[in-house]
Amino acid sequence: MNTGKKYVTSNTNFGATGTASTMVMSGSTVTVTLGTSDNPNAAGTANGSVNMTWTPALGPTDRAANLLLTTAVIEGGTSDLDF
């Protein structure tokens, strides 16, 4: 997911070590909880209002084994301060 902001100042993986990241769907809401950062010194300060973009990875399939689309999904509505 690209939030369009600088929450970190360099490449950072979450959940690779320590607490794992999770993603839970309830109805039509998906909640992503990031796990432990492998680069805690990369924390940045986010500011400004932008629309987030999520680009799905190539490879996942649905239950019928059809590849899922990799088209980017852009947050709708007016740009806002997220998180």
C-alpha atoms as a PDB file:
ATOM      1  CA  MET A   1       0.000   0.000   0.000  1.00  0.00           C
ATOM      2  CA  ASN A   2       1.294   3.439  -0.849  1.00  0.00           C
ATOM      3  CA  THR A   3      -0.008   6.000   1.614  1.00  0.00           C
ATOM      4  CA  GLY A   4       1.679   8.831  -0.283  1.00  0.00           C
ATOM      5  CA  LYS A   5       3.373   9.913   2.935  1.00  0.00           C
ATOM      6  CA  LYS A   6       6.701   9.245   4.578  1.00  0.00           C
ATOM      7  CA  TYR A   7       5.846   7.081   7.568  1.00  0.00           C
ATOM      8  CA  VAL A   8       9.318   5.576   7.131  1.00  0.00           C
ATOM      9  CA  THR A   9      12.456   7.154   5.696  1.00  0.00           C
ATOM     10  CA  SER A  10      13.884   4.003   4.061  1.00  0.00           C
ATOM     11  CA  ASN A  11      12.779   0.506   3.032  1.00  0.00           C
ATOM     12  CA  THR A  12      11.193  -1.253   5.967  1.00  0.00           C
ATOM     13  CA  ASN A  13       9.606  -4.679   6.367  1.00  0.00           C
ATOM     14  CA  PHE A  14       6.903  -5.175   8.970  1.00  0.00           C
ATOM     15  CA  GLY A  15       6.206  -8.535  10.545  1.00  0.00           C
ATOM     16  CA  ALA A  16       9.225 -10.377   9.150  1.00  0.00           C
ATOM     17  CA  THR A  17      10.596 -10.744  12.686  1.00  0.00           C
ATOM     18  CA  GLY A  18       8.979 -10.287  16.092  1.00  0.00           C
ATOM     19  CA  THR A  19       5.234  -9.714  15.948  1.00  0.00           C
ATOM     20  CA  ALA A  20       3.680 -10.757  12.644  1.00  0.00           C
ATOM     21  CA  SER A  21       1.543  -8.410  10.540  1.00  0.00           C
ATOM     22  CA  THR A  22      -2.115  -9.352  10.175  1.00  0.00           C
ATOM     23  CA  MET A  23      -4.962  -8.629   7.773  1.00  0.00           C
ATOM     24  CA  VAL A  24      -8.566  -9.296   8.807  1.00  0.00           C
ATOM     25  CA  MET A  25     -11.751  -8.839   6.791  1.00  0.00           C
ATOM     26  CA  SER A  26     -15.056  -8.157   8.542  1.00  0.00           C
ATOM     27  CA  GLY A  27     -17.909  -7.573   6.111  1.00  0.00           C
ATOM     28  CA  SER A  28     -16.513  -5.150   3.528  1.00  0.00           C
ATOM     29  CA  THR A  29     -13.871  -3.701   5.869  1.00  0.00           C
ATOM     30  CA  VAL A  30     -10.258  -4.868   5.753  1.00  0.00           C
ATOM     31  CA  THR A  31      -8.044  -4.045   8.747  1.00  0.00           C
ATOM     32  CA  VAL A  32      -4.269  -4.279   8.314  1.00  0.00           C
ATOM     33  CA  THR A  33      -2.129  -4.289  11.452  1.00  0.00           C
ATOM     34  CA  LEU A  34       1.598  -3.924  10.866  1.00  0.00           C
ATOM     35  CA  GLY A  35       3.900  -6.097  12.936  1.00  0.00           C
ATOM     36  CA  THR A  36       7.373  -5.365  14.244  1.00  0.00           C
ATOM     37  CA  SER A  37       9.553  -3.178  12.009  1.00  0.00           C
ATOM     38  CA  ASP A  38      12.917  -4.602  10.946  1.00  0.00           C
ATOM     39  CA  ASN A  39      14.208  -1.017  10.724  1.00  0.00           C
ATOM     40  CA  PRO A  40      12.942   0.903  13.776  1.00  0.00           C
ATOM     41  CA  ASN A  41      15.333   3.801  13.094  1.00  0.00           C
ATOM     42  CA  ALA A  42      13.491   4.538   9.833  1.00  0.00           C
ATOM     43  CA  ALA A  43      10.401   6.010  11.504  1.00  0.00           C
ATOM     44  CA  GLY A  44       9.303   9.243   9.840  1.00  0.00           C
ATOM     45  CA  THR A  45       6.649  11.887  10.407  1.00  0.00           C
ATOM     46  CA  ALA A  46       3.625  11.835   8.126  1.00  0.00           C
ATOM     47  CA  ASN A  47       1.851  15.018   7.151  1.00  0.00           C
ATOM     48  CA  GLY A  48      -0.380  16.354   4.414  1.00  0.00           C
ATOM     49  CA  SER A  49      -3.536  14.994   2.825  1.00  0.00           C
ATOM     50  CA  VAL A  50      -3.378  12.516  -0.054  1.00  0.00           C
ATOM     51  CA  ASN A  51      -5.353   9.536  -1.350  1.00  0.00           C
ATOM     52  CA  MET A  52      -3.802   6.143  -0.574  1.00  0.00           C
ATOM     53  CA  THR A  53      -3.104   3.647  -3.369  1.00  0.00           C
ATOM     54  CA  TRP A  54      -3.093  -0.135  -3.060  1.00  0.00           C
ATOM     55  CA  THR A  55      -1.523  -2.210  -5.850  1.00  0.00           C
ATOM     56  CA  PRO A  56      -2.233  -5.941  -5.425  1.00  0.00           C
ATOM     57  CA  ALA A  57       0.641  -8.360  -5.988  1.00  0.00           C
ATOM     58  CA  LEU A  58       0.774 -10.567  -9.083  1.00  0.00           C
ATOM     59  CA  GLY A  59       0.064 -14.206  -8.304  1.00  0.00           C
ATOM     60  CA  PRO A  60      -2.915 -14.537  -5.910  1.00  0.00           C
ATOM     61  CA  THR A  61      -5.956 -16.341  -7.297  1.00  0.00           C
ATOM     62  CA  ASP A  62      -9.633 -16.631  -6.438  1.00  0.00           C
ATOM     63  CA  ARG A  63     -11.297 -19.923  -5.466  1.00  0.00           C
ATOM     64  CA  ALA A  64     -11.642 -20.874  -9.155  1.00  0.00           C
ATOM     65  CA  ALA A  65      -7.868 -20.386  -9.683  1.00  0.00           C
ATOM     66  CA  ASN A  66      -8.330 -17.216 -11.751  1.00  0.00           C
ATOM     67  CA  LEU A  67      -5.548 -14.678 -11.324  1.00  0.00           C
ATOM     68  CA  LEU A  68      -6.667 -11.608  -9.424  1.00  0.00           C
ATOM     69  CA  LEU A  69      -6.333  -8.198 -11.050  1.00  0.00           C
ATOM     70  CA  THR A  70      -3.230  -6.146 -10.300  1.00  0.00           C
ATOM     71  CA  THR A  71      -4.897  -2.840 -11.143  1.00  0.00           C
ATOM     72  CA  ALA A  72      -4.126  -0.179  -8.535  1.00  0.00           C
ATOM     73  CA  VAL A  73      -7.048   0.869  -6.332  1.00  0.00           C
ATOM     74  CA  ILE A  74      -7.067   4.515  -5.281  1.00  0.00           C
ATOM     75  CA  GLU A  75      -8.857   5.674  -2.152  1.00  0.00           C
ATOM     76  CA  GLY A  76     -11.996   7.536  -3.131  1.00  0.00           C
ATOM     77  CA  GLY A  77     -13.334  10.853  -1.930  1.00  0.00           C
ATOM     78  CA  THR A  78     -11.553  13.999  -0.942  1.00  0.00           C
ATOM     79  CA  SER A  79      -7.890  13.731   0.045  1.00  0.00           C
ATOM     80  CA  ASP A  80      -7.669  13.449   3.792  1.00  0.00           C
ATOM     81  CA  LEU A  81      -5.220  12.878   6.620  1.00  0.00           C
ATOM     82  CA  ASP A  82      -5.096   9.116   7.190  1.00  0.00           C
ATOM     83  CA  PHE A  83      -4.122   7.452  10.434  1.00  0.00           C
END
